[in-house]
mmCIF file of all heavy atoms, coordinates in Angstrom:
data_MODEL
# 
_entry.id   MODEL 
# 
loop_
_atom_site.group_PDB 
_atom_site.id 
_atom_site.type_symbol 
_atom_site.label_atom_id 
_atom_site.label_alt_id 
_atom_site.label_comp_id 
_atom_site.label_asym_id 
_atom_site.label_entity_id 
_atom_site.label_seq_id 
_atom_site.pdbx_PDB_ins_code 
_atom_site.Cartn_x 
_atom_site.Cartn_y 
_atom_site.Cartn_z 
_atom_site.occupancy 
_atom_site.B_iso_or_equiv 
_atom_site.pdbx_formal_charge 
_atom_site.auth_seq_id 
_atom_site.auth_comp_id 
_atom_site.auth_asym_id 
_atom_site.auth_atom_id 
_atom_site.pdbx_PDB_model_num 
ATOM 1   N N   . ILE A 1 1  ? -24.517 -14.697 2.319  1.00 0.00 ? 1  ILE A N   1 
ATOM 2   C CA  . ILE A 1 1  ? -24.927 -13.434 1.693  1.00 0.00 ? 1  ILE A CA  1 
ATOM 3   C C   . ILE A 1 1  ? -24.521 -12.273 2.592  1.00 0.00 ? 1  ILE A C   1 
ATOM 4   O O   . ILE A 1 1  ? -23.734 -11.419 2.212  1.00 0.00 ? 1  ILE A O   1 
ATOM 5   C CB  . ILE A 1 1  ? -26.475 -13.399 1.451  1.00 0.00 ? 1  ILE A CB  1 
ATOM 6   C CG1 . ILE A 1 1  ? -26.902 -14.544 0.519  1.00 0.00 ? 1  ILE A CG1 1 
ATOM 7   C CG2 . ILE A 1 1  ? -26.881 -12.057 0.888  1.00 0.00 ? 1  ILE A CG2 1 
ATOM 8   C CD1 . ILE A 1 1  ? -26.468 -14.395 -0.919 1.00 0.00 ? 1  ILE A CD1 1 
ATOM 9   N N   . ARG A 1 2  ? -25.050 -12.215 3.746  1.00 0.00 ? 2  ARG A N   1 
ATOM 10  C CA  . ARG A 1 2  ? -24.774 -11.114 4.671  1.00 0.00 ? 2  ARG A CA  1 
ATOM 11  C C   . ARG A 1 2  ? -23.558 -11.448 5.505  1.00 0.00 ? 2  ARG A C   1 
ATOM 12  O O   . ARG A 1 2  ? -23.157 -12.611 5.686  1.00 0.00 ? 2  ARG A O   1 
ATOM 13  C CB  . ARG A 1 2  ? -25.964 -10.861 5.600  1.00 0.00 ? 2  ARG A CB  1 
ATOM 14  C CG  . ARG A 1 2  ? -26.263 -12.085 6.467  1.00 0.00 ? 2  ARG A CG  1 
ATOM 15  C CD  . ARG A 1 2  ? -27.472 -11.848 7.325  1.00 0.00 ? 2  ARG A CD  1 
ATOM 16  N NE  . ARG A 1 2  ? -28.006 -13.162 7.690  1.00 0.00 ? 2  ARG A NE  1 
ATOM 17  C CZ  . ARG A 1 2  ? -29.276 -13.473 7.703  1.00 0.00 ? 2  ARG A CZ  1 
ATOM 18  N NH1 . ARG A 1 2  ? -30.174 -12.569 7.366  1.00 0.00 ? 2  ARG A NH1 1 
ATOM 19  N NH2 . ARG A 1 2  ? -29.688 -14.675 8.059  1.00 0.00 ? 2  ARG A NH2 1 
ATOM 20  N N   . SER A 1 3  ? -22.959 -10.414 6.051  1.00 0.00 ? 3  SER A N   1 
ATOM 21  C CA  . SER A 1 3  ? -21.833 -10.633 6.947  1.00 0.00 ? 3  SER A CA  1 
ATOM 22  C C   . SER A 1 3  ? -22.359 -11.190 8.259  1.00 0.00 ? 3  SER A C   1 
ATOM 23  O O   . SER A 1 3  ? -23.332 -10.678 8.838  1.00 0.00 ? 3  SER A O   1 
ATOM 24  C CB  . SER A 1 3  ? -21.117 -9.306  7.234  1.00 0.00 ? 3  SER A CB  1 
ATOM 25  O OG  . SER A 1 3  ? -20.164 -9.467  8.276  1.00 0.00 ? 3  SER A OG  1 
ATOM 26  N N   . ALA A 1 4  ? -21.701 -12.235 8.747  1.00 0.00 ? 4  ALA A N   1 
ATOM 27  C CA  . ALA A 1 4  ? -22.072 -12.836 10.031 1.00 0.00 ? 4  ALA A CA  1 
ATOM 28  C C   . ALA A 1 4  ? -21.272 -12.259 11.168 1.00 0.00 ? 4  ALA A C   1 
ATOM 29  O O   . ALA A 1 4  ? -21.307 -12.726 12.277 1.00 0.00 ? 4  ALA A O   1 
ATOM 30  C CB  . ALA A 1 4  ? -21.876 -14.363 9.967  1.00 0.00 ? 4  ALA A CB  1 
ATOM 31  N N   . ASN A 1 5  ? -20.530 -11.156 10.878 1.00 0.00 ? 5  ASN A N   1 
ATOM 32  C CA  . ASN A 1 5  ? -19.759 -10.470 11.896 1.00 0.00 ? 5  ASN A CA  1 
ATOM 33  C C   . ASN A 1 5  ? -20.688 -9.615  12.736 1.00 0.00 ? 5  ASN A C   1 
ATOM 34  O O   . ASN A 1 5  ? -21.258 -8.651  12.290 1.00 0.00 ? 5  ASN A O   1 
ATOM 35  C CB  . ASN A 1 5  ? -18.688 -9.621  11.246 1.00 0.00 ? 5  ASN A CB  1 
ATOM 36  C CG  . ASN A 1 5  ? -17.775 -8.928  12.226 1.00 0.00 ? 5  ASN A CG  1 
ATOM 37  O OD1 . ASN A 1 5  ? -18.255 -8.345  13.192 1.00 0.00 ? 5  ASN A OD1 1 
ATOM 38  N ND2 . ASN A 1 5  ? -16.495 -8.985  11.981 1.00 0.00 ? 5  ASN A ND2 1 
ATOM 39  N N   . HIS A 1 6  ? -20.828 -10.032 14.009 1.00 0.00 ? 6  HIS A N   1 
ATOM 40  C CA  . HIS A 1 6  ? -21.723 -9.384  14.940 1.00 0.00 ? 6  HIS A CA  1 
ATOM 41  C C   . HIS A 1 6  ? -21.453 -7.858  15.031 1.00 0.00 ? 6  HIS A C   1 
ATOM 42  O O   . HIS A 1 6  ? -22.368 -7.062  15.136 1.00 0.00 ? 6  HIS A O   1 
ATOM 43  C CB  . HIS A 1 6  ? -21.523 -10.066 16.293 1.00 0.00 ? 6  HIS A CB  1 
ATOM 44  C CG  . HIS A 1 6  ? -22.316 -9.497  17.424 1.00 0.00 ? 6  HIS A CG  1 
ATOM 45  N ND1 . HIS A 1 6  ? -23.659 -9.812  17.616 1.00 0.00 ? 6  HIS A ND1 1 
ATOM 46  C CD2 . HIS A 1 6  ? -21.985 -8.622  18.392 1.00 0.00 ? 6  HIS A CD2 1 
ATOM 47  C CE1 . HIS A 1 6  ? -24.086 -9.161  18.682 1.00 0.00 ? 6  HIS A CE1 1 
ATOM 48  N NE2 . HIS A 1 6  ? -23.106 -8.432  19.159 1.00 0.00 ? 6  HIS A NE2 1 
ATOM 49  N N   . TRP A 1 7  ? -20.180 -7.491  15.016 1.00 0.00 ? 7  TRP A N   1 
ATOM 50  C CA  . TRP A 1 7  ? -19.792 -6.075  15.202 1.00 0.00 ? 7  TRP A CA  1 
ATOM 51  C C   . TRP A 1 7  ? -20.134 -5.235  13.960 1.00 0.00 ? 7  TRP A C   1 
ATOM 52  O O   . TRP A 1 7  ? -20.520 -4.079  14.110 1.00 0.00 ? 7  TRP A O   1 
ATOM 53  C CB  . TRP A 1 7  ? -18.333 -5.977  15.552 1.00 0.00 ? 7  TRP A CB  1 
ATOM 54  C CG  . TRP A 1 7  ? -18.096 -6.727  16.845 1.00 0.00 ? 7  TRP A CG  1 
ATOM 55  C CD1 . TRP A 1 7  ? -17.390 -7.881  17.015 1.00 0.00 ? 7  TRP A CD1 1 
ATOM 56  C CD2 . TRP A 1 7  ? -18.596 -6.359  18.113 1.00 0.00 ? 7  TRP A CD2 1 
ATOM 57  N NE1 . TRP A 1 7  ? -17.444 -8.285  18.303 1.00 0.00 ? 7  TRP A NE1 1 
ATOM 58  C CE2 . TRP A 1 7  ? -18.183 -7.389  19.029 1.00 0.00 ? 7  TRP A CE2 1 
ATOM 59  C CE3 . TRP A 1 7  ? -19.397 -5.353  18.646 1.00 0.00 ? 7  TRP A CE3 1 
ATOM 60  C CZ2 . TRP A 1 7  ? -18.503 -7.380  20.374 1.00 0.00 ? 7  TRP A CZ2 1 
ATOM 61  C CZ3 . TRP A 1 7  ? -19.733 -5.339  19.966 1.00 0.00 ? 7  TRP A CZ3 1 
ATOM 62  C CH2 . TRP A 1 7  ? -19.287 -6.332  20.828 1.00 0.00 ? 7  TRP A CH2 1 
ATOM 63  N N   . ILE A 1 8  ? -20.041 -5.811  12.786 1.00 0.00 ? 8  ILE A N   1 
ATOM 64  C CA  . ILE A 1 8  ? -20.432 -5.088  11.593 1.00 0.00 ? 8  ILE A CA  1 
ATOM 65  C C   . ILE A 1 8  ? -21.938 -4.849  11.611 1.00 0.00 ? 8  ILE A C   1 
ATOM 66  O O   . ILE A 1 8  ? -22.402 -3.747  11.296 1.00 0.00 ? 8  ILE A O   1 
ATOM 67  C CB  . ILE A 1 8  ? -20.048 -5.882  10.313 1.00 0.00 ? 8  ILE A CB  1 
ATOM 68  C CG1 . ILE A 1 8  ? -18.501 -5.838  10.156 1.00 0.00 ? 8  ILE A CG1 1 
ATOM 69  C CG2 . ILE A 1 8  ? -20.752 -5.298  9.080  1.00 0.00 ? 8  ILE A CG2 1 
ATOM 70  C CD1 . ILE A 1 8  ? -18.048 -6.744  9.002  1.00 0.00 ? 8  ILE A CD1 1 
ATOM 71  N N   . GLN A 1 9  ? -22.693 -5.851  12.013 1.00 0.00 ? 9  GLN A N   1 
ATOM 72  C CA  . GLN A 1 9  ? -24.165 -5.686  12.083 1.00 0.00 ? 9  GLN A CA  1 
ATOM 73  C C   . GLN A 1 9  ? -24.565 -4.699  13.159 1.00 0.00 ? 9  GLN A C   1 
ATOM 74  O O   . GLN A 1 9  ? -25.470 -3.881  12.967 1.00 0.00 ? 9  GLN A O   1 
ATOM 75  C CB  . GLN A 1 9  ? -24.846 -7.040  12.264 1.00 0.00 ? 9  GLN A CB  1 
ATOM 76  C CG  . GLN A 1 9  ? -24.587 -8.026  11.145 1.00 0.00 ? 9  GLN A CG  1 
ATOM 77  C CD  . GLN A 1 9  ? -24.972 -7.467  9.762  1.00 0.00 ? 9  GLN A CD  1 
ATOM 78  O OE1 . GLN A 1 9  ? -25.788 -6.560  9.631  1.00 0.00 ? 9  GLN A OE1 1 
ATOM 79  N NE2 . GLN A 1 9  ? -24.320 -7.981  8.734  1.00 0.00 ? 9  GLN A NE2 1 
ATOM 80  N N   . LEU A 1 10 ? -23.880 -4.727  14.316 1.00 0.00 ? 10 LEU A N   1 
ATOM 81  C CA  . LEU A 1 10 ? -24.169 -3.735  15.359 1.00 0.00 ? 10 LEU A CA  1 
ATOM 82  C C   . LEU A 1 10 ? -23.854 -2.315  14.879 1.00 0.00 ? 10 LEU A C   1 
ATOM 83  O O   . LEU A 1 10 ? -24.627 -1.389  15.126 1.00 0.00 ? 10 LEU A O   1 
ATOM 84  C CB  . LEU A 1 10 ? -23.384 -4.076  16.616 1.00 0.00 ? 10 LEU A CB  1 
ATOM 85  C CG  . LEU A 1 10 ? -23.565 -3.063  17.776 1.00 0.00 ? 10 LEU A CG  1 
ATOM 86  C CD1 . LEU A 1 10 ? -25.014 -2.948  18.208 1.00 0.00 ? 10 LEU A CD1 1 
ATOM 87  C CD2 . LEU A 1 10 ? -22.649 -3.475  18.962 1.00 0.00 ? 10 LEU A CD2 1 
ATOM 88  N N   . HIS A 1 11 ? -22.743 -2.168  14.173 1.00 0.00 ? 11 HIS A N   1 
ATOM 89  C CA  . HIS A 1 11 ? -22.341 -0.861  13.650 1.00 0.00 ? 11 HIS A CA  1 
ATOM 90  C C   . HIS A 1 11 ? -23.467 -0.331  12.713 1.00 0.00 ? 11 HIS A C   1 
ATOM 91  O O   . HIS A 1 11 ? -23.891 0.822   12.881 1.00 0.00 ? 11 HIS A O   1 
ATOM 92  C CB  . HIS A 1 11 ? -21.021 -0.967  12.889 1.00 0.00 ? 11 HIS A CB  1 
ATOM 93  C CG  . HIS A 1 11 ? -20.505 0.336   12.405 1.00 0.00 ? 11 HIS A CG  1 
ATOM 94  N ND1 . HIS A 1 11 ? -19.362 0.407   11.638 1.00 0.00 ? 11 HIS A ND1 1 
ATOM 95  C CD2 . HIS A 1 11 ? -20.884 1.594   12.585 1.00 0.00 ? 11 HIS A CD2 1 
ATOM 96  C CE1 . HIS A 1 11 ? -19.104 1.693   11.328 1.00 0.00 ? 11 HIS A CE1 1 
ATOM 97  N NE2 . HIS A 1 11 ? -20.026 2.418   11.911 1.00 0.00 ? 11 HIS A NE2 1 
ATOM 98  N N   . PHE A 1 12 ? -23.904 -1.147  11.793 1.00 0.00 ? 12 PHE A N   1 
ATOM 99  C CA  . PHE A 1 12 ? -24.996 -0.725  10.909 1.00 0.00 ? 12 PHE A CA  1 
ATOM 100 C C   . PHE A 1 12 ? -26.230 -0.352  11.724 1.00 0.00 ? 12 PHE A C   1 
ATOM 101 O O   . PHE A 1 12 ? -26.838 0.698   11.469 1.00 0.00 ? 12 PHE A O   1 
ATOM 102 C CB  . PHE A 1 12 ? -25.383 -1.832  9.900  1.00 0.00 ? 12 PHE A CB  1 
ATOM 103 C CG  . PHE A 1 12 ? -26.563 -1.504  9.101  1.00 0.00 ? 12 PHE A CG  1 
ATOM 104 C CD1 . PHE A 1 12 ? -26.473 -0.666  8.008  1.00 0.00 ? 12 PHE A CD1 1 
ATOM 105 C CD2 . PHE A 1 12 ? -27.830 -1.926  9.474  1.00 0.00 ? 12 PHE A CD2 1 
ATOM 106 C CE1 . PHE A 1 12 ? -27.598 -0.305  7.267  1.00 0.00 ? 12 PHE A CE1 1 
ATOM 107 C CE2 . PHE A 1 12 ? -28.961 -1.556  8.762  1.00 0.00 ? 12 PHE A CE2 1 
ATOM 108 C CZ  . PHE A 1 12 ? -28.852 -0.769  7.657  1.00 0.00 ? 12 PHE A CZ  1 
ATOM 109 N N   . HIS A 1 13 ? -26.598 -1.180  12.679 1.00 0.00 ? 13 HIS A N   1 
ATOM 110 C CA  . HIS A 1 13 ? -27.821 -0.945  13.449 1.00 0.00 ? 13 HIS A CA  1 
ATOM 111 C C   . HIS A 1 13 ? -27.737 0.369   14.222 1.00 0.00 ? 13 HIS A C   1 
ATOM 112 O O   . HIS A 1 13 ? -28.714 1.135   14.274 1.00 0.00 ? 13 HIS A O   1 
ATOM 113 C CB  . HIS A 1 13 ? -28.088 -2.119  14.409 1.00 0.00 ? 13 HIS A CB  1 
ATOM 114 C CG  . HIS A 1 13 ? -29.528 -2.220  14.818 1.00 0.00 ? 13 HIS A CG  1 
ATOM 115 N ND1 . HIS A 1 13 ? -30.438 -2.897  14.048 1.00 0.00 ? 13 HIS A ND1 1 
ATOM 116 C CD2 . HIS A 1 13 ? -30.158 -1.733  15.852 1.00 0.00 ? 13 HIS A CD2 1 
ATOM 117 C CE1 . HIS A 1 13 ? -31.618 -2.818  14.649 1.00 0.00 ? 13 HIS A CE1 1 
ATOM 118 N NE2 . HIS A 1 13 ? -31.489 -2.136  15.758 1.00 0.00 ? 13 HIS A NE2 1 
ATOM 119 N N   . VAL A 1 14 ? -26.596 0.676   14.810 1.00 0.00 ? 14 VAL A N   1 
ATOM 120 C CA  . VAL A 1 14 ? -26.425 1.923   15.571 1.00 0.00 ? 14 VAL A CA  1 
ATOM 121 C C   . VAL A 1 14 ? -26.532 3.125   14.619 1.00 0.00 ? 14 VAL A C   1 
ATOM 122 O O   . VAL A 1 14 ? -27.178 4.148   14.958 1.00 0.00 ? 14 VAL A O   1 
ATOM 123 C CB  . VAL A 1 14 ? -25.111 1.912   16.332 1.00 0.00 ? 14 VAL A CB  1 
ATOM 124 C CG1 . VAL A 1 14 ? -24.765 3.265   16.891 1.00 0.00 ? 14 VAL A CG1 1 
ATOM 125 C CG2 . VAL A 1 14 ? -25.175 0.873   17.470 1.00 0.00 ? 14 VAL A CG2 1 
ATOM 126 N N   . VAL A 1 15 ? -25.933 3.038   13.457 1.00 0.00 ? 15 VAL A N   1 
ATOM 127 C CA  . VAL A 1 15 ? -26.016 4.124   12.480 1.00 0.00 ? 15 VAL A CA  1 
ATOM 128 C C   . VAL A 1 15 ? -27.510 4.303   12.052 1.00 0.00 ? 15 VAL A C   1 
ATOM 129 O O   . VAL A 1 15 ? -28.022 5.419   11.992 1.00 0.00 ? 15 VAL A O   1 
ATOM 130 C CB  . VAL A 1 15 ? -25.098 3.890   11.271 1.00 0.00 ? 15 VAL A CB  1 
ATOM 131 C CG1 . VAL A 1 15 ? -25.373 4.906   10.162 1.00 0.00 ? 15 VAL A CG1 1 
ATOM 132 C CG2 . VAL A 1 15 ? -23.659 3.891   11.682 1.00 0.00 ? 15 VAL A CG2 1 
ATOM 133 N N   . LEU A 1 16 ? -28.182 3.208   11.789 1.00 0.00 ? 16 LEU A N   1 
ATOM 134 C CA  . LEU A 1 16 ? -29.575 3.251   11.386 1.00 0.00 ? 16 LEU A CA  1 
ATOM 135 C C   . LEU A 1 16 ? -30.428 3.922   12.472 1.00 0.00 ? 16 LEU A C   1 
ATOM 136 O O   . LEU A 1 16 ? -31.227 4.821   12.201 1.00 0.00 ? 16 LEU A O   1 
ATOM 137 C CB  . LEU A 1 16 ? -30.098 1.836   11.137 1.00 0.00 ? 16 LEU A CB  1 
ATOM 138 C CG  . LEU A 1 16 ? -31.580 1.694   10.816 1.00 0.00 ? 16 LEU A CG  1 
ATOM 139 C CD1 . LEU A 1 16 ? -31.924 2.339   9.498  1.00 0.00 ? 16 LEU A CD1 1 
ATOM 140 C CD2 . LEU A 1 16 ? -31.964 0.227   10.805 1.00 0.00 ? 16 LEU A CD2 1 
ATOM 141 N N   . GLU A 1 17 ? -30.274 3.464   13.705 1.00 0.00 ? 17 GLU A N   1 
ATOM 142 C CA  . GLU A 1 17 ? -31.041 4.049   14.806 1.00 0.00 ? 17 GLU A CA  1 
ATOM 143 C C   . GLU A 1 17 ? -30.719 5.538   14.978 1.00 0.00 ? 17 GLU A C   1 
ATOM 144 O O   . GLU A 1 17 ? -31.601 6.335   15.295 1.00 0.00 ? 17 GLU A O   1 
ATOM 145 C CB  . GLU A 1 17 ? -30.796 3.297   16.120 1.00 0.00 ? 17 GLU A CB  1 
ATOM 146 C CG  . GLU A 1 17 ? -31.458 1.933   16.141 1.00 0.00 ? 17 GLU A CG  1 
ATOM 147 C CD  . GLU A 1 17 ? -31.186 1.156   17.412 1.00 0.00 ? 17 GLU A CD  1 
ATOM 148 O OE1 . GLU A 1 17 ? -30.119 1.339   18.042 1.00 0.00 ? 17 GLU A OE1 1 
ATOM 149 O OE2 . GLU A 1 17 ? -32.106 0.389   17.816 1.00 0.00 ? 17 GLU A OE2 1 
ATOM 150 N N   . GLY A 1 18 ? -29.484 5.884   14.786 1.00 0.00 ? 18 GLY A N   1 
ATOM 151 C CA  . GLY A 1 18 ? -29.110 7.308   14.879 1.00 0.00 ? 18 GLY A CA  1 
ATOM 152 C C   . GLY A 1 18 ? -29.772 8.157   13.827 1.00 0.00 ? 18 GLY A C   1 
ATOM 153 O O   . GLY A 1 18 ? -30.309 9.253   14.127 1.00 0.00 ? 18 GLY A O   1 
ATOM 154 N N   . LEU A 1 19 ? -29.855 7.666   12.587 1.00 0.00 ? 19 LEU A N   1 
ATOM 155 C CA  . LEU A 1 19 ? -30.566 8.423   11.550 1.00 0.00 ? 19 LEU A CA  1 
ATOM 156 C C   . LEU A 1 19 ? -32.054 8.509   11.834 1.00 0.00 ? 19 LEU A C   1 
ATOM 157 O O   . LEU A 1 19 ? -32.648 9.527   11.636 1.00 0.00 ? 19 LEU A O   1 
ATOM 158 C CB  . LEU A 1 19 ? -30.313 7.779   10.188 1.00 0.00 ? 19 LEU A CB  1 
ATOM 159 C CG  . LEU A 1 19 ? -28.907 7.994   9.585  1.00 0.00 ? 19 LEU A CG  1 
ATOM 160 C CD1 . LEU A 1 19 ? -28.791 7.210   8.245  1.00 0.00 ? 19 LEU A CD1 1 
ATOM 161 C CD2 . LEU A 1 19 ? -28.599 9.477   9.355  1.00 0.00 ? 19 LEU A CD2 1 
ATOM 162 N N   . LEU A 1 20 ? -32.638 7.399   12.274 1.00 0.00 ? 20 LEU A N   1 
ATOM 163 C CA  . LEU A 1 20 ? -34.072 7.399   12.593 1.00 0.00 ? 20 LEU A CA  1 
ATOM 164 C C   . LEU A 1 20 ? -34.358 8.435   13.627 1.00 0.00 ? 20 LEU A C   1 
ATOM 165 O O   . LEU A 1 20 ? -35.345 9.173   13.543 1.00 0.00 ? 20 LEU A O   1 
ATOM 166 C CB  . LEU A 1 20 ? -34.522 6.017   13.078 1.00 0.00 ? 20 LEU A CB  1 
ATOM 167 C CG  . LEU A 1 20 ? -34.596 4.936   11.998 1.00 0.00 ? 20 LEU A CG  1 
ATOM 168 C CD1 . LEU A 1 20 ? -34.692 3.543   12.621 1.00 0.00 ? 20 LEU A CD1 1 
ATOM 169 C CD2 . LEU A 1 20 ? -35.791 5.207   11.061 1.00 0.00 ? 20 LEU A CD2 1 
ATOM 170 N N   . ALA A 1 21 ? -33.520 8.539   14.665 1.00 0.00 ? 21 ALA A N   1 
ATOM 171 C CA  . ALA A 1 21 ? -33.724 9.535   15.731 1.00 0.00 ? 21 ALA A CA  1 
ATOM 172 C C   . ALA A 1 21 ? -33.464 10.958  15.224 1.00 0.00 ? 21 ALA A C   1 
ATOM 173 O O   . ALA A 1 21 ? -34.215 11.893  15.484 1.00 0.00 ? 21 ALA A O   1 
ATOM 174 C CB  . ALA A 1 21 ? -32.814 9.222   16.918 1.00 0.00 ? 21 ALA A CB  1 
ATOM 175 N N   . ARG A 1 22 ? -32.378 11.108  14.473 1.00 0.00 ? 22 ARG A N   1 
ATOM 176 C CA  . ARG A 1 22 ? -31.986 12.461  14.021 1.00 0.00 ? 22 ARG A CA  1 
ATOM 177 C C   . ARG A 1 22 ? -32.976 13.054  13.035 1.00 0.00 ? 22 ARG A C   1 
ATOM 178 O O   . ARG A 1 22 ? -33.204 14.244  13.002 1.00 0.00 ? 22 ARG A O   1 
ATOM 179 C CB  . ARG A 1 22 ? -30.581 12.383  13.411 1.00 0.00 ? 22 ARG A CB  1 
ATOM 180 C CG  . ARG A 1 22 ? -30.071 13.723  12.940 1.00 0.00 ? 22 ARG A CG  1 
ATOM 181 C CD  . ARG A 1 22 ? -28.581 13.672  12.740 1.00 0.00 ? 22 ARG A CD  1 
ATOM 182 N NE  . ARG A 1 22 ? -28.029 14.978  12.752 1.00 0.00 ? 22 ARG A NE  1 
ATOM 183 C CZ  . ARG A 1 22 ? -27.667 15.664  13.818 1.00 0.00 ? 22 ARG A CZ  1 
ATOM 184 N NH1 . ARG A 1 22 ? -27.838 15.168  15.016 1.00 0.00 ? 22 ARG A NH1 1 
ATOM 185 N NH2 . ARG A 1 22 ? -27.154 16.868  13.752 1.00 0.00 ? 22 ARG A NH2 1 
ATOM 186 N N   . TRP A 1 23 ? -33.532 12.191  12.184 1.00 0.00 ? 23 TRP A N   1 
ATOM 187 C CA  . TRP A 1 23 ? -34.459 12.661  11.163 1.00 0.00 ? 23 TRP A CA  1 
ATOM 188 C C   . TRP A 1 23 ? -35.862 12.884  11.708 1.00 0.00 ? 23 TRP A C   1 
ATOM 189 O O   . TRP A 1 23 ? -36.751 13.252  10.956 1.00 0.00 ? 23 TRP A O   1 
ATOM 190 C CB  . TRP A 1 23 ? -34.453 11.726  9.964  1.00 0.00 ? 23 TRP A CB  1 
ATOM 191 C CG  . TRP A 1 23 ? -33.180 11.857  9.146  1.00 0.00 ? 23 TRP A CG  1 
ATOM 192 C CD1 . TRP A 1 23 ? -32.228 12.807  9.261  1.00 0.00 ? 23 TRP A CD1 1 
ATOM 193 C CD2 . TRP A 1 23 ? -32.751 11.019  8.081  1.00 0.00 ? 23 TRP A CD2 1 
ATOM 194 N NE1 . TRP A 1 23 ? -31.232 12.621  8.357  1.00 0.00 ? 23 TRP A NE1 1 
ATOM 195 C CE2 . TRP A 1 23 ? -31.539 11.500  7.584  1.00 0.00 ? 23 TRP A CE2 1 
ATOM 196 C CE3 . TRP A 1 23 ? -33.319 9.872   7.482  1.00 0.00 ? 23 TRP A CE3 1 
ATOM 197 C CZ2 . TRP A 1 23 ? -30.829 10.908  6.579  1.00 0.00 ? 23 TRP A CZ2 1 
ATOM 198 C CZ3 . TRP A 1 23 ? -32.599 9.286   6.426  1.00 0.00 ? 23 TRP A CZ3 1 
ATOM 199 C CH2 . TRP A 1 23 ? -31.403 9.790   5.981  1.00 0.00 ? 23 TRP A CH2 1 
ATOM 200 N N   . GLU A 1 24 ? -36.061 12.665  12.992 1.00 0.00 ? 24 GLU A N   1 
ATOM 201 C CA  . GLU A 1 24 ? -37.326 12.988  13.672 1.00 0.00 ? 24 GLU A CA  1 
ATOM 202 C C   . GLU A 1 24 ? -38.544 12.530  12.908 1.00 0.00 ? 24 GLU A C   1 
ATOM 203 O O   . GLU A 1 24 ? -39.377 13.320  12.493 1.00 0.00 ? 24 GLU A O   1 
ATOM 204 C CB  . GLU A 1 24 ? -37.359 14.505  13.946 1.00 0.00 ? 24 GLU A CB  1 
ATOM 205 C CG  . GLU A 1 24 ? -36.215 14.968  14.845 1.00 0.00 ? 24 GLU A CG  1 
ATOM 206 C CD  . GLU A 1 24 ? -36.187 16.449  15.035 1.00 0.00 ? 24 GLU A CD  1 
ATOM 207 O OE1 . GLU A 1 24 ? -37.007 17.189  14.425 1.00 0.00 ? 24 GLU A OE1 1 
ATOM 208 O OE2 . GLU A 1 24 ? -35.328 16.893  15.784 1.00 0.00 ? 24 GLU A OE2 1 
ATOM 209 N N   . LEU A 1 25 ? -38.649 11.226  12.729 1.00 0.00 ? 25 LEU A N   1 
ATOM 210 C CA  . LEU A 1 25 ? -39.771 10.667  11.966 1.00 0.00 ? 25 LEU A CA  1 
ATOM 211 C C   . LEU A 1 25 ? -40.960 10.443  12.862 1.00 0.00 ? 25 LEU A C   1 
ATOM 212 O O   . LEU A 1 25 ? -41.981 9.919   12.435 1.00 0.00 ? 25 LEU A O   1 
ATOM 213 C CB  . LEU A 1 25 ? -39.299 9.370   11.287 1.00 0.00 ? 25 LEU A CB  1 
ATOM 214 C CG  . LEU A 1 25 ? -38.143 9.595   10.310 1.00 0.00 ? 25 LEU A CG  1 
ATOM 215 C CD1 . LEU A 1 25 ? -37.600 8.311   9.800  1.00 0.00 ? 25 LEU A CD1 1 
ATOM 216 C CD2 . LEU A 1 25 ? -38.595 10.491  9.166  1.00 0.00 ? 25 LEU A CD2 1 
ATOM 217 N N   . GLY A 1 26 ? -40.844 10.799  14.114 1.00 0.00 ? 26 GLY A N   1 
ATOM 218 C CA  . GLY A 1 26 ? -41.963 10.834  15.049 1.00 0.00 ? 26 GLY A CA  1 
ATOM 219 C C   . GLY A 1 26 ? -42.705 9.537   15.250 1.00 0.00 ? 26 GLY A C   1 
ATOM 220 O O   . GLY A 1 26 ? -42.105 8.489   15.382 1.00 0.00 ? 26 GLY A O   1 
ATOM 221 N N   . ASP A 1 27 ? -44.032 9.661   15.220 1.00 0.00 ? 27 ASP A N   1 
ATOM 222 C CA  . ASP A 1 27 ? -44.863 8.503   15.584 1.00 0.00 ? 27 ASP A CA  1 
ATOM 223 C C   . ASP A 1 27 ? -44.948 7.443   14.499 1.00 0.00 ? 27 ASP A C   1 
ATOM 224 O O   . ASP A 1 27 ? -45.647 6.452   14.659 1.00 0.00 ? 27 ASP A O   1 
ATOM 225 C CB  . ASP A 1 27 ? -46.277 8.995   15.953 1.00 0.00 ? 27 ASP A CB  1 
ATOM 226 C CG  . ASP A 1 27 ? -47.042 9.625   14.799 1.00 0.00 ? 27 ASP A CG  1 
ATOM 227 O OD1 . ASP A 1 27 ? -46.445 9.876   13.749 1.00 0.00 ? 27 ASP A OD1 1 
ATOM 228 O OD2 . ASP A 1 27 ? -48.260 9.817   14.953 1.00 0.00 ? 27 ASP A OD2 1 
ATOM 229 N N   . ARG A 1 28 ? -44.250 7.607   13.399 1.00 0.00 ? 28 ARG A N   1 
ATOM 230 C CA  . ARG A 1 28 ? -44.231 6.554   12.367 1.00 0.00 ? 28 ARG A CA  1 
ATOM 231 C C   . ARG A 1 28 ? -43.352 5.398   12.801 1.00 0.00 ? 28 ARG A C   1 
ATOM 232 O O   . ARG A 1 28 ? -43.520 4.279   12.340 1.00 0.00 ? 28 ARG A O   1 
ATOM 233 C CB  . ARG A 1 28 ? -43.696 7.136   11.068 1.00 0.00 ? 28 ARG A CB  1 
ATOM 234 C CG  . ARG A 1 28 ? -44.696 7.962   10.296 1.00 0.00 ? 28 ARG A CG  1 
ATOM 235 C CD  . ARG A 1 28 ? -44.184 8.238   8.910  1.00 0.00 ? 28 ARG A CD  1 
ATOM 236 N NE  . ARG A 1 28 ? -43.133 9.245   8.922  1.00 0.00 ? 28 ARG A NE  1 
ATOM 237 C CZ  . ARG A 1 28 ? -43.320 10.566  8.959  1.00 0.00 ? 28 ARG A CZ  1 
ATOM 238 N NH1 . ARG A 1 28 ? -44.541 11.023  8.993  1.00 0.00 ? 28 ARG A NH1 1 
ATOM 239 N NH2 . ARG A 1 28 ? -42.310 11.375  8.950  1.00 0.00 ? 28 ARG A NH2 1 
# 
């Protein structure tokens, strides 16, 4: 189902963490 490519998953994770930080969701 999902891509087992480690680098694709890391890319997604870094983008996700960037949005979480940028959108300043604070203590949630």
